[in-house]
């Protein structure tokens, strides 16, 4: 809740992580693997201060004949998405 000596009001009100992904959030899909959802959520909570969404979803593969489990990550602020893509070590080998 307190990061770098400042209290984040979104954490206090428990509205930082969205329950669903609004259409105006910037999103990315990451291939699902064991325990990655929790690890991504923890990294986002610790390193980014804005509102976000993270959840498991299913997507169609190239030829529309197979489904794959994916993790959908979305951010209200596009700058948070940029920081996430550049700095998150969990995405390095995905």
PDB file of N, CA and C in Angstrom:
ATOM      1  N   UNK A   1       0.821  -1.190   0.000  1.00  0.00           N
ATOM      2  CA  UNK A   1       0.000   0.000   0.000  1.00  0.00           C
ATOM      3  C   UNK A   1       0.868   1.258   0.000  1.00  0.00           C
ATOM      4  N   UNK A   2       1.958   1.239   0.751  1.00  0.00           N
ATOM      5  CA  UNK A   2       2.857   2.386   0.779  1.00  0.00           C
ATOM      6  C   UNK A   2       4.069   2.051  -0.068  1.00  0.00           C
ATOM      7  N   UNK A   3       4.304   2.870  -1.078  1.00  0.00           N
ATOM      8  CA  UNK A   3       5.429   2.655  -1.974  1.00  0.00           C
ATOM      9  C   UNK A   3       6.216   3.947  -2.067  1.00  0.00           C
ATOM     10  N   UNK A   4       7.489   3.854  -1.764  1.00  0.00           N
ATOM     11  CA  UNK A   4       8.367   5.016  -1.812  1.00  0.00           C
ATOM     12  C   UNK A   4       7.852   6.158  -0.937  1.00  0.00           C
ATOM     13  N   UNK A   5       7.252   5.816   0.206  1.00  0.00           N
ATOM     14  CA  UNK A   5       6.798   6.819   1.152  1.00  0.00           C
ATOM     15  C   UNK A   5       5.471   7.476   0.822  1.00  0.00           C
ATOM     16  N   UNK A   6       4.792   7.003  -0.237  1.00  0.00           N
ATOM     17  CA  UNK A   6       3.501   7.584  -0.622  1.00  0.00           C
ATOM     18  C   UNK A   6       2.419   6.511  -0.600  1.00  0.00           C
ATOM     19  N   UNK A   7       1.244   6.895  -0.155  1.00  0.00           N
ATOM     20  CA  UNK A   7       0.102   5.992  -0.135  1.00  0.00           C
ATOM     21  C   UNK A   7      -0.647   6.137  -1.448  1.00  0.00           C
ATOM     22  N   UNK A   8      -0.930   5.008  -2.090  1.00  0.00           N
ATOM     23  CA  UNK A   8      -1.685   5.015  -3.339  1.00  0.00           C
ATOM     24  C   UNK A   8      -3.175   4.952  -2.992  1.00  0.00           C
ATOM     25  N   UNK A   9      -3.955   5.990  -3.314  1.00  0.00           N
ATOM     26  CA  UNK A   9      -5.373   5.992  -2.964  1.00  0.00           C
ATOM     27  C   UNK A   9      -6.163   4.876  -3.641  1.00  0.00           C
ATOM     28  N   UNK A  10      -5.719   4.430  -4.820  1.00  0.00           N
ATOM     29  CA  UNK A  10      -6.410   3.327  -5.493  1.00  0.00           C
ATOM     30  C   UNK A  10      -6.282   2.030  -4.697  1.00  0.00           C
ATOM     31  N   UNK A  11      -5.146   1.830  -4.027  1.00  0.00           N
ATOM     32  CA  UNK A  11      -4.973   0.654  -3.179  1.00  0.00           C
ATOM     33  C   UNK A  11      -5.831   0.749  -1.925  1.00  0.00           C
ATOM     34  N   UNK A  12      -5.904   1.930  -1.345  1.00  0.00           N
ATOM     35  CA  UNK A  12      -6.686   2.121  -0.123  1.00  0.00           C
ATOM     36  C   UNK A  12      -8.161   1.832  -0.389  1.00  0.00           C
ATOM     37  N   UNK A  13      -8.660   2.288  -1.517  1.00  0.00           N
ATOM     38  CA  UNK A  13     -10.065   2.078  -1.865  1.00  0.00           C
ATOM     39  C   UNK A  13     -10.312   0.721  -2.529  1.00  0.00           C
ATOM     40  N   UNK A  14      -9.258  -0.050  -2.755  1.00  0.00           N
ATOM     41  CA  UNK A  14      -9.323  -1.370  -3.371  1.00  0.00           C
ATOM     42  C   UNK A  14      -9.994  -1.341  -4.752  1.00  0.00           C
ATOM     43  N   UNK A  15      -9.618  -0.321  -5.556  1.00  0.00           N
ATOM     44  CA  UNK A  15     -10.170  -0.197  -6.909  1.00  0.00           C
ATOM     45  C   UNK A  15      -9.074  -0.178  -7.966  1.00  0.00           C
ATOM     46  N   UNK A  16      -7.871  -0.549  -7.590  1.00  0.00           N
ATOM     47  CA  UNK A  16      -6.762  -0.490  -8.532  1.00  0.00           C
ATOM     48  C   UNK A  16      -6.833  -1.597  -9.579  1.00  0.00           C
ATOM     49  N   UNK A  17      -7.098  -2.820  -9.162  1.00  0.00           N
ATOM     50  CA  UNK A  17      -7.234  -3.933 -10.105  1.00  0.00           C
ATOM     51  C   UNK A  17      -8.701  -4.026 -10.526  1.00  0.00           C
ATOM     52  N   UNK A  18      -8.934  -3.879 -11.828  1.00  0.00           N
ATOM     53  CA  UNK A  18     -10.298  -3.918 -12.363  1.00  0.00           C
ATOM     54  C   UNK A  18     -10.801  -5.360 -12.412  1.00  0.00           C
ATOM     55  N   UNK A  19     -12.081  -5.542 -12.167  1.00  0.00           N
ATOM     56  CA  UNK A  19     -12.695  -6.867 -12.210  1.00  0.00           C
ATOM     57  C   UNK A  19     -12.903  -7.352 -13.649  1.00  0.00           C
ATOM     58  N   UNK A  20     -13.071  -6.431 -14.584  1.00  0.00           N
ATOM     59  CA  UNK A  20     -13.201  -6.764 -16.003  1.00  0.00           C
ATOM     60  C   UNK A  20     -12.381  -5.749 -16.788  1.00  0.00           C
ATOM     61  N   UNK A  21     -12.103  -6.053 -18.035  1.00  0.00           N
ATOM     62  CA  UNK A  21     -11.263  -5.174 -18.846  1.00  0.00           C
ATOM     63  C   UNK A  21     -12.137  -4.203 -19.648  1.00  0.00           C
ATOM     64  N   UNK A  22     -12.166  -2.929 -19.271  1.00  0.00           N
ATOM     65  CA  UNK A  22     -12.935  -1.949 -20.038  1.00  0.00           C
ATOM     66  C   UNK A  22     -12.358  -1.788 -21.451  1.00  0.00           C
ATOM     67  N   UNK A  23     -13.171  -1.385 -22.414  1.00  0.00           N
ATOM     68  CA  UNK A  23     -12.691  -1.283 -23.798  1.00  0.00           C
ATOM     69  C   UNK A  23     -11.621  -0.214 -24.012  1.00  0.00           C
ATOM     70  N   UNK A  24     -11.503   0.748 -23.122  1.00  0.00           N
ATOM     71  CA  UNK A  24     -10.511   1.811 -23.309  1.00  0.00           C
ATOM     72  C   UNK A  24      -9.145   1.467 -22.714  1.00  0.00           C
ATOM     73  N   UNK A  25      -9.005   0.320 -22.061  1.00  0.00           N
ATOM     74  CA  UNK A  25      -7.707  -0.114 -21.540  1.00  0.00           C
ATOM     75  C   UNK A  25      -6.826  -0.565 -22.701  1.00  0.00           C
ATOM     76  N   UNK A  26      -5.527  -0.271 -22.612  1.00  0.00           N
ATOM     77  CA  UNK A  26      -4.542  -0.804 -23.552  1.00  0.00           C
ATOM     78  C   UNK A  26      -4.235  -2.234 -23.115  1.00  0.00           C
ATOM     79  N   UNK A  27      -4.338  -3.210 -24.029  1.00  0.00           N
ATOM     80  CA  UNK A  27      -4.198  -4.608 -23.633  1.00  0.00           C
ATOM     81  C   UNK A  27      -3.107  -5.335 -24.408  1.00  0.00           C
ATOM     82  N   UNK A  28      -2.676  -6.437 -23.817  1.00  0.00           N
ATOM     83  CA  UNK A  28      -1.724  -7.357 -24.441  1.00  0.00           C
ATOM     84  C   UNK A  28      -2.092  -8.756 -23.963  1.00  0.00           C
ATOM     85  N   UNK A  29      -1.828  -9.747 -24.815  1.00  0.00           N
ATOM     86  CA  UNK A  29      -2.036 -11.142 -24.442  1.00  0.00           C
ATOM     87  C   UNK A  29      -0.688 -11.833 -24.305  1.00  0.00           C
ATOM     88  N   UNK A  30      -0.555 -12.596 -23.240  1.00  0.00           N
ATOM     89  CA  UNK A  30       0.679 -13.325 -22.948  1.00  0.00           C
ATOM     90  C   UNK A  30       0.329 -14.805 -22.887  1.00  0.00           C
ATOM     91  N   UNK A  31       1.183 -15.660 -23.437  1.00  0.00           N
ATOM     92  CA  UNK A  31       0.942 -17.093 -23.393  1.00  0.00           C
ATOM     93  C   UNK A  31       0.913 -17.583 -21.953  1.00  0.00           C
ATOM     94  N   UNK A  32      -0.105 -18.351 -21.637  1.00  0.00           N
ATOM     95  CA  UNK A  32      -0.302 -18.843 -20.271  1.00  0.00           C
ATOM     96  C   UNK A  32       0.705 -19.931 -19.956  1.00  0.00           C
ATOM     97  N   UNK A  33       1.290 -19.860 -18.769  1.00  0.00           N
ATOM     98  CA  UNK A  33       2.114 -20.940 -18.234  1.00  0.00           C
ATOM     99  C   UNK A  33       1.895 -20.990 -16.731  1.00  0.00           C
ATOM    100  N   UNK A  34       2.337 -22.059 -16.140  1.00  0.00           N
ATOM    101  CA  UNK A  34       2.096 -22.305 -14.722  1.00  0.00           C
ATOM    102  C   UNK A  34       2.591 -21.149 -13.853  1.00  0.00           C
ATOM    103  N   UNK A  35       1.731 -20.636 -13.013  1.00  0.00           N
ATOM    104  CA  UNK A  35       2.026 -19.604 -12.004  1.00  0.00           C
ATOM    105  C   UNK A  35       2.409 -18.240 -12.590  1.00  0.00           C
ATOM    106  N   UNK A  36       2.309 -18.054 -13.900  1.00  0.00           N
ATOM    107  CA  UNK A  36       2.660 -16.770 -14.495  1.00  0.00           C
ATOM    108  C   UNK A  36       1.633 -15.691 -14.149  1.00  0.00           C
ATOM    109  N   UNK A  37       0.373 -16.059 -14.048  1.00  0.00           N
ATOM    110  CA  UNK A  37      -0.679 -15.086 -13.727  1.00  0.00           C
ATOM    111  C   UNK A  37      -0.404 -14.409 -12.383  1.00  0.00           C
ATOM    112  N   UNK A  38      -0.101 -15.181 -11.367  1.00  0.00           N
ATOM    113  CA  UNK A  38       0.182 -14.613 -10.047  1.00  0.00           C
ATOM    114  C   UNK A  38       1.473 -13.797 -10.065  1.00  0.00           C
ATOM    115  N   UNK A  39       2.493 -14.295 -10.752  1.00  0.00           N
ATOM    116  CA  UNK A  39       3.768 -13.580 -10.807  1.00  0.00           C
ATOM    117  C   UNK A  39       3.615 -12.243 -11.520  1.00  0.00           C
ATOM    118  N   UNK A  40       2.861 -12.195 -12.620  1.00  0.00           N
ATOM    119  CA  UNK A  40       2.617 -10.930 -13.330  1.00  0.00           C
ATOM    120  C   UNK A  40       1.819  -9.966 -12.462  1.00  0.00           C
ATOM    121  N   UNK A  41       0.799 -10.481 -11.781  1.00  0.00           N
ATOM    122  CA  UNK A  41      -0.011  -9.633 -10.911  1.00  0.00           C
ATOM    123  C   UNK A  41       0.843  -9.021  -9.804  1.00  0.00           C
ATOM    124  N   UNK A  42       1.706  -9.815  -9.192  1.00  0.00           N
ATOM    125  CA  UNK A  42       2.584  -9.305  -8.129  1.00  0.00           C
ATOM    126  C   UNK A  42       3.553  -8.250  -8.668  1.00  0.00           C
ATOM    127  N   UNK A  43       4.107  -8.489  -9.866  1.00  0.00           N
ATOM    128  CA  UNK A  43       5.056  -7.534 -10.441  1.00  0.00           C
ATOM    129  C   UNK A  43       4.350  -6.205 -10.749  1.00  0.00           C
ATOM    130  N   UNK A  44       3.174  -6.278 -11.338  1.00  0.00           N
ATOM    131  CA  UNK A  44       2.416  -5.061 -11.665  1.00  0.00           C
ATOM    132  C   UNK A  44       2.067  -4.300 -10.388  1.00  0.00           C
ATOM    133  N   UNK A  45       1.604  -5.009  -9.366  1.00  0.00           N
ATOM    134  CA  UNK A  45       1.215  -4.371  -8.111  1.00  0.00           C
ATOM    135  C   UNK A  45       2.395  -3.641  -7.471  1.00  0.00           C
ATOM    136  N   UNK A  46       3.578  -4.234  -7.564  1.00  0.00           N
ATOM    137  CA  UNK A  46       4.763  -3.647  -6.934  1.00  0.00           C
ATOM    138  C   UNK A  46       5.403  -2.520  -7.742  1.00  0.00           C
ATOM    139  N   UNK A  47       5.270  -2.527  -9.066  1.00  0.00           N
ATOM    140  CA  UNK A  47       6.043  -1.614  -9.907  1.00  0.00           C
ATOM    141  C   UNK A  47       5.242  -0.563 -10.668  1.00  0.00           C
ATOM    142  N   UNK A  48       3.944  -0.725 -10.758  1.00  0.00           N
ATOM    143  CA  UNK A  48       3.118   0.227 -11.506  1.00  0.00           C
ATOM    144  C   UNK A  48       2.035   0.752 -10.572  1.00  0.00           C
ATOM    145  N   UNK A  49       1.755   2.048 -10.646  1.00  0.00           N
ATOM    146  CA  UNK A  49       0.829   2.642  -9.679  1.00  0.00           C
ATOM    147  C   UNK A  49      -0.580   2.892 -10.215  1.00  0.00           C
ATOM    148  N   UNK A  50      -0.810   2.706 -11.509  1.00  0.00           N
ATOM    149  CA  UNK A  50      -2.122   2.990 -12.089  1.00  0.00           C
ATOM    150  C   UNK A  50      -3.060   1.797 -12.048  1.00  0.00           C
ATOM    151  N   UNK A  51      -4.258   2.009 -12.594  1.00  0.00           N
ATOM    152  CA  UNK A  51      -5.259   0.944 -12.650  1.00  0.00           C
ATOM    153  C   UNK A  51      -4.886  -0.079 -13.714  1.00  0.00           C
ATOM    154  N   UNK A  52      -5.230  -1.351 -13.461  1.00  0.00           N
ATOM    155  CA  UNK A  52      -4.897  -2.414 -14.396  1.00  0.00           C
ATOM    156  C   UNK A  52      -5.914  -3.548 -14.310  1.00  0.00           C
ATOM    157  N   UNK A  53      -5.883  -4.392 -15.334  1.00  0.00           N
ATOM    158  CA  UNK A  53      -6.669  -5.621 -15.352  1.00  0.00           C
ATOM    159  C   UNK A  53      -5.736  -6.765 -15.702  1.00  0.00           C
ATOM    160  N   UNK A  54      -5.927  -7.909 -15.075  1.00  0.00           N
ATOM    161  CA  UNK A  54      -5.202  -9.120 -15.442  1.00  0.00           C
ATOM    162  C   UNK A  54      -6.136 -10.303 -15.222  1.00  0.00           C
ATOM    163  N   UNK A  55      -6.193 -11.176 -16.218  1.00  0.00           N
ATOM    164  CA  UNK A  55      -7.060 -12.335 -16.116  1.00  0.00           C
ATOM    165  C   UNK A  55      -6.771 -13.351 -17.203  1.00  0.00           C
ATOM    166  N   UNK A  56      -7.242 -14.564 -16.976  1.00  0.00           N
ATOM    167  CA  UNK A  56      -7.029 -15.634 -17.934  1.00  0.00           C
ATOM    168  C   UNK A  56      -8.151 -15.613 -18.968  1.00  0.00           C
ATOM    169  N   UNK A  57      -7.795 -15.862 -20.230  1.00  0.00           N
ATOM    170  CA  UNK A  57      -8.765 -15.861 -21.312  1.00  0.00           C
ATOM    171  C   UNK A  57      -8.394 -16.942 -22.326  1.00  0.00           C
ATOM    172  N   UNK A  58      -9.257 -17.147 -23.294  1.00  0.00           N
ATOM    173  CA  UNK A  58      -9.016 -18.119 -24.359  1.00  0.00           C
ATOM    174  C   UNK A  58      -9.058 -17.376 -25.685  1.00  0.00           C
ATOM    175  N   UNK A  59      -8.091 -17.673 -26.564  1.00  0.00           N
ATOM    176  CA  UNK A  59      -8.041 -17.025 -27.880  1.00  0.00           C
ATOM    177  C   UNK A  59      -7.920 -18.071 -28.973  1.00  0.00           C
ATOM    178  N   UNK A  60      -8.404 -17.726 -30.169  1.00  0.00           N
ATOM    179  CA  UNK A  60      -8.255 -18.588 -31.330  1.00  0.00           C
ATOM    180  C   UNK A  60      -6.857 -18.446 -31.905  1.00  0.00           C
ATOM    181  N   UNK A  61      -6.291 -19.562 -32.339  1.00  0.00           N
ATOM    182  CA  UNK A  61      -4.969 -19.553 -32.962  1.00  0.00           C
ATOM    183  C   UNK A  61      -5.142 -19.213 -34.440  1.00  0.00           C
ATOM    184  N   UNK A  62      -4.044 -19.037 -35.161  1.00  0.00           N
ATOM    185  CA  UNK A  62      -3.998 -18.537 -36.536  1.00  0.00           C
ATOM    186  C   UNK A  62      -5.124 -19.011 -37.448  1.00  0.00           C
ATOM    187  N   UNK A  63      -5.306 -20.295 -37.594  1.00  0.00           N
ATOM    188  CA  UNK A  63      -6.271 -20.787 -38.583  1.00  0.00           C
ATOM    189  C   UNK A  63      -7.671 -21.014 -38.017  1.00  0.00           C
ATOM    190  N   UNK A  64      -7.954 -20.473 -36.844  1.00  0.00           N
ATOM    191  CA  UNK A  64      -9.274 -20.554 -36.206  1.00  0.00           C
ATOM    192  C   UNK A  64      -9.727 -21.973 -35.919  1.00  0.00           C
ATOM    193  N   UNK A  65      -8.791 -22.912 -35.792  1.00  0.00           N
ATOM    194  CA  UNK A  65      -9.191 -24.281 -35.502  1.00  0.00           C
ATOM    195  C   UNK A  65      -8.728 -24.753 -34.127  1.00  0.00           C
ATOM    196  N   UNK A  66      -7.939 -23.947 -33.429  1.00  0.00           N
ATOM    197  CA  UNK A  66      -7.459 -24.318 -32.107  1.00  0.00           C
ATOM    198  C   UNK A  66      -7.637 -23.155 -31.135  1.00  0.00           C
ATOM    199  N   UNK A  67      -7.783 -23.511 -29.878  1.00  0.00           N
ATOM    200  CA  UNK A  67      -7.867 -22.515 -28.814  1.00  0.00           C
ATOM    201  C   UNK A  67      -6.600 -22.582 -27.967  1.00  0.00           C
ATOM    202  N   UNK A  68      -6.174 -21.442 -27.453  1.00  0.00           N
ATOM    203  CA  UNK A  68      -5.020 -21.382 -26.555  1.00  0.00           C
ATOM    204  C   UNK A  68      -5.380 -20.570 -25.329  1.00  0.00           C
ATOM    205  N   UNK A  69      -4.877 -21.001 -24.181  1.00  0.00           N
ATOM    206  CA  UNK A  69      -5.037 -20.230 -22.948  1.00  0.00           C
ATOM    207  C   UNK A  69      -4.064 -19.063 -22.979  1.00  0.00           C
ATOM    208  N   UNK A  70      -4.560 -17.886 -22.667  1.00  0.00           N
ATOM    209  CA  UNK A  70      -3.742 -16.672 -22.652  1.00  0.00           C
ATOM    210  C   UNK A  70      -4.027 -15.897 -21.372  1.00  0.00           C
ATOM    211  N   UNK A  71      -3.117 -15.022 -21.055  1.00  0.00           N
ATOM    212  CA  UNK A  71      -3.296 -14.079 -19.953  1.00  0.00           C
ATOM    213  C   UNK A  71      -3.469 -12.707 -20.584  1.00  0.00           C
ATOM    214  N   UNK A  72      -4.589 -12.068 -20.300  1.00  0.00           N
ATOM    215  CA  UNK A  72      -4.860 -10.732 -20.829  1.00  0.00           C
ATOM    216  C   UNK A  72      -4.489  -9.708 -19.765  1.00  0.00           C
ATOM    217  N   UNK A  73      -3.632  -8.774 -20.145  1.00  0.00           N
ATOM    218  CA  UNK A  73      -3.189  -7.720 -19.237  1.00  0.00           C
ATOM    219  C   UNK A  73      -3.561  -6.392 -19.870  1.00  0.00           C
ATOM    220  N   UNK A  74      -4.227  -5.532 -19.119  1.00  0.00           N
ATOM    221  CA  UNK A  74      -4.633  -4.235 -19.634  1.00  0.00           C
ATOM    222  C   UNK A  74      -4.341  -3.130 -18.634  1.00  0.00           C
ATOM    223  N   UNK A  75      -4.050  -1.934 -19.171  1.00  0.00           N
ATOM    224  CA  UNK A  75      -3.734  -0.782 -18.332  1.00  0.00           C
ATOM    225  C   UNK A  75      -4.566   0.412 -18.770  1.00  0.00           C
ATOM    226  N   UNK A  76      -4.996   1.204 -17.797  1.00  0.00           N
ATOM    227  CA  UNK A  76      -5.753   2.412 -18.082  1.00  0.00           C
ATOM    228  C   UNK A  76      -4.858   3.475 -18.722  1.00  0.00           C
ATOM    229  N   UNK A  77      -3.643   3.589 -18.241  1.00  0.00           N
ATOM    230  CA  UNK A  77      -2.693   4.567 -18.748  1.00  0.00           C
ATOM    231  C   UNK A  77      -1.770   3.890 -19.764  1.00  0.00           C
ATOM    232  N   UNK A  78      -1.719   4.373 -21.019  1.00  0.00           N
ATOM    233  CA  UNK A  78      -0.839   3.754 -22.019  1.00  0.00           C
ATOM    234  C   UNK A  78       0.636   3.772 -21.619  1.00  0.00           C
ATOM    235  N   UNK A  79       1.050   4.748 -20.825  1.00  0.00           N
ATOM    236  CA  UNK A  79       2.427   4.796 -20.348  1.00  0.00           C
ATOM    237  C   UNK A  79       2.764   3.614 -19.441  1.00  0.00           C
ATOM    238  N   UNK A  80       1.771   3.161 -18.667  1.00  0.00           N
ATOM    239  CA  UNK A  80       1.978   1.987 -17.827  1.00  0.00           C
ATOM    240  C   UNK A  80       2.204   0.746 -18.687  1.00  0.00           C
ATOM    241  N   UNK A  81       1.486   0.654 -19.800  1.00  0.00           N
ATOM    242  CA  UNK A  81       1.664  -0.482 -20.717  1.00  0.00           C
ATOM    243  C   UNK A  81       3.078  -0.480 -21.295  1.00  0.00           C
ATOM    244  N   UNK A  82       3.555   0.692 -21.680  1.00  0.00           N
ATOM    245  CA  UNK A  82       4.913   0.798 -22.228  1.00  0.00           C
ATOM    246  C   UNK A  82       5.949   0.370 -21.197  1.00  0.00           C
ATOM    247  N   UNK A  83       5.802   0.845 -19.976  1.00  0.00           N
ATOM    248  CA  UNK A  83       6.741   0.483 -18.921  1.00  0.00           C
ATOM    249  C   UNK A  83       6.699  -1.026 -18.658  1.00  0.00           C
ATOM    250  N   UNK A  84       5.509  -1.584 -18.623  1.00  0.00           N
ATOM    251  CA  UNK A  84       5.341  -3.019 -18.405  1.00  0.00           C
ATOM    252  C   UNK A  84       6.046  -3.823 -19.490  1.00  0.00           C
ATOM    253  N   UNK A  85       5.852  -3.442 -20.737  1.00  0.00           N
ATOM    254  CA  UNK A  85       6.458  -4.169 -21.857  1.00  0.00           C
ATOM    255  C   UNK A  85       7.986  -4.075 -21.833  1.00  0.00           C
ATOM    256  N   UNK A  86       8.511  -2.944 -21.424  1.00  0.00           N
ATOM    257  CA  UNK A  86       9.958  -2.753 -21.416  1.00  0.00           C
ATOM    258  C   UNK A  86      10.646  -3.313 -20.169  1.00  0.00           C
ATOM    259  N   UNK A  87      10.018  -3.232 -19.030  1.00  0.00           N
ATOM    260  CA  UNK A  87      10.713  -3.512 -17.775  1.00  0.00           C
ATOM    261  C   UNK A  87      10.383  -4.850 -17.123  1.00  0.00           C
ATOM    262  N   UNK A  88       9.295  -5.465 -17.471  1.00  0.00           N
ATOM    263  CA  UNK A  88       8.905  -6.700 -16.778  1.00  0.00           C
ATOM    264  C   UNK A  88       9.814  -7.858 -17.195  1.00  0.00           C
ATOM    265  N   UNK A  89      10.573  -8.409 -16.262  1.00  0.00           N
ATOM    266  CA  UNK A  89      11.484  -9.507 -16.602  1.00  0.00           C
ATOM    267  C   UNK A  89      10.757 -10.802 -16.927  1.00  0.00           C
ATOM    268  N   UNK A  90       9.498 -10.933 -16.527  1.00  0.00           N
ATOM    269  CA  UNK A  90       8.732 -12.145 -16.796  1.00  0.00           C
ATOM    270  C   UNK A  90       8.373 -12.283 -18.276  1.00  0.00           C
ATOM    271  N   UNK A  91       8.409 -11.193 -19.025  1.00  0.00           N
ATOM    272  CA  UNK A  91       8.085 -11.223 -20.454  1.00  0.00           C
ATOM    273  C   UNK A  91       9.302 -11.455 -21.329  1.00  0.00           C
ATOM    274  N   UNK A  92      10.467 -11.465 -20.729  1.00  0.00           N
ATOM    275  CA  UNK A  92      11.712 -11.498 -21.503  1.00  0.00           C
ATOM    276  C   UNK A  92      11.818 -12.722 -22.402  1.00  0.00           C
ATOM    277  N   UNK A  93      11.397 -13.858 -21.940  1.00  0.00           N
ATOM    278  CA  UNK A  93      11.563 -15.083 -22.701  1.00  0.00           C
ATOM    279  C   UNK A  93      10.251 -15.649 -23.223  1.00  0.00           C
ATOM    280  N   UNK A  94       9.224 -14.843 -23.302  1.00  0.00           N
ATOM    281  CA  UNK A  94       7.914 -15.301 -23.789  1.00  0.00           C
ATOM    282  C   UNK A  94       7.738 -14.981 -25.242  1.00  0.00           C
TER     283      UNK A  94
END
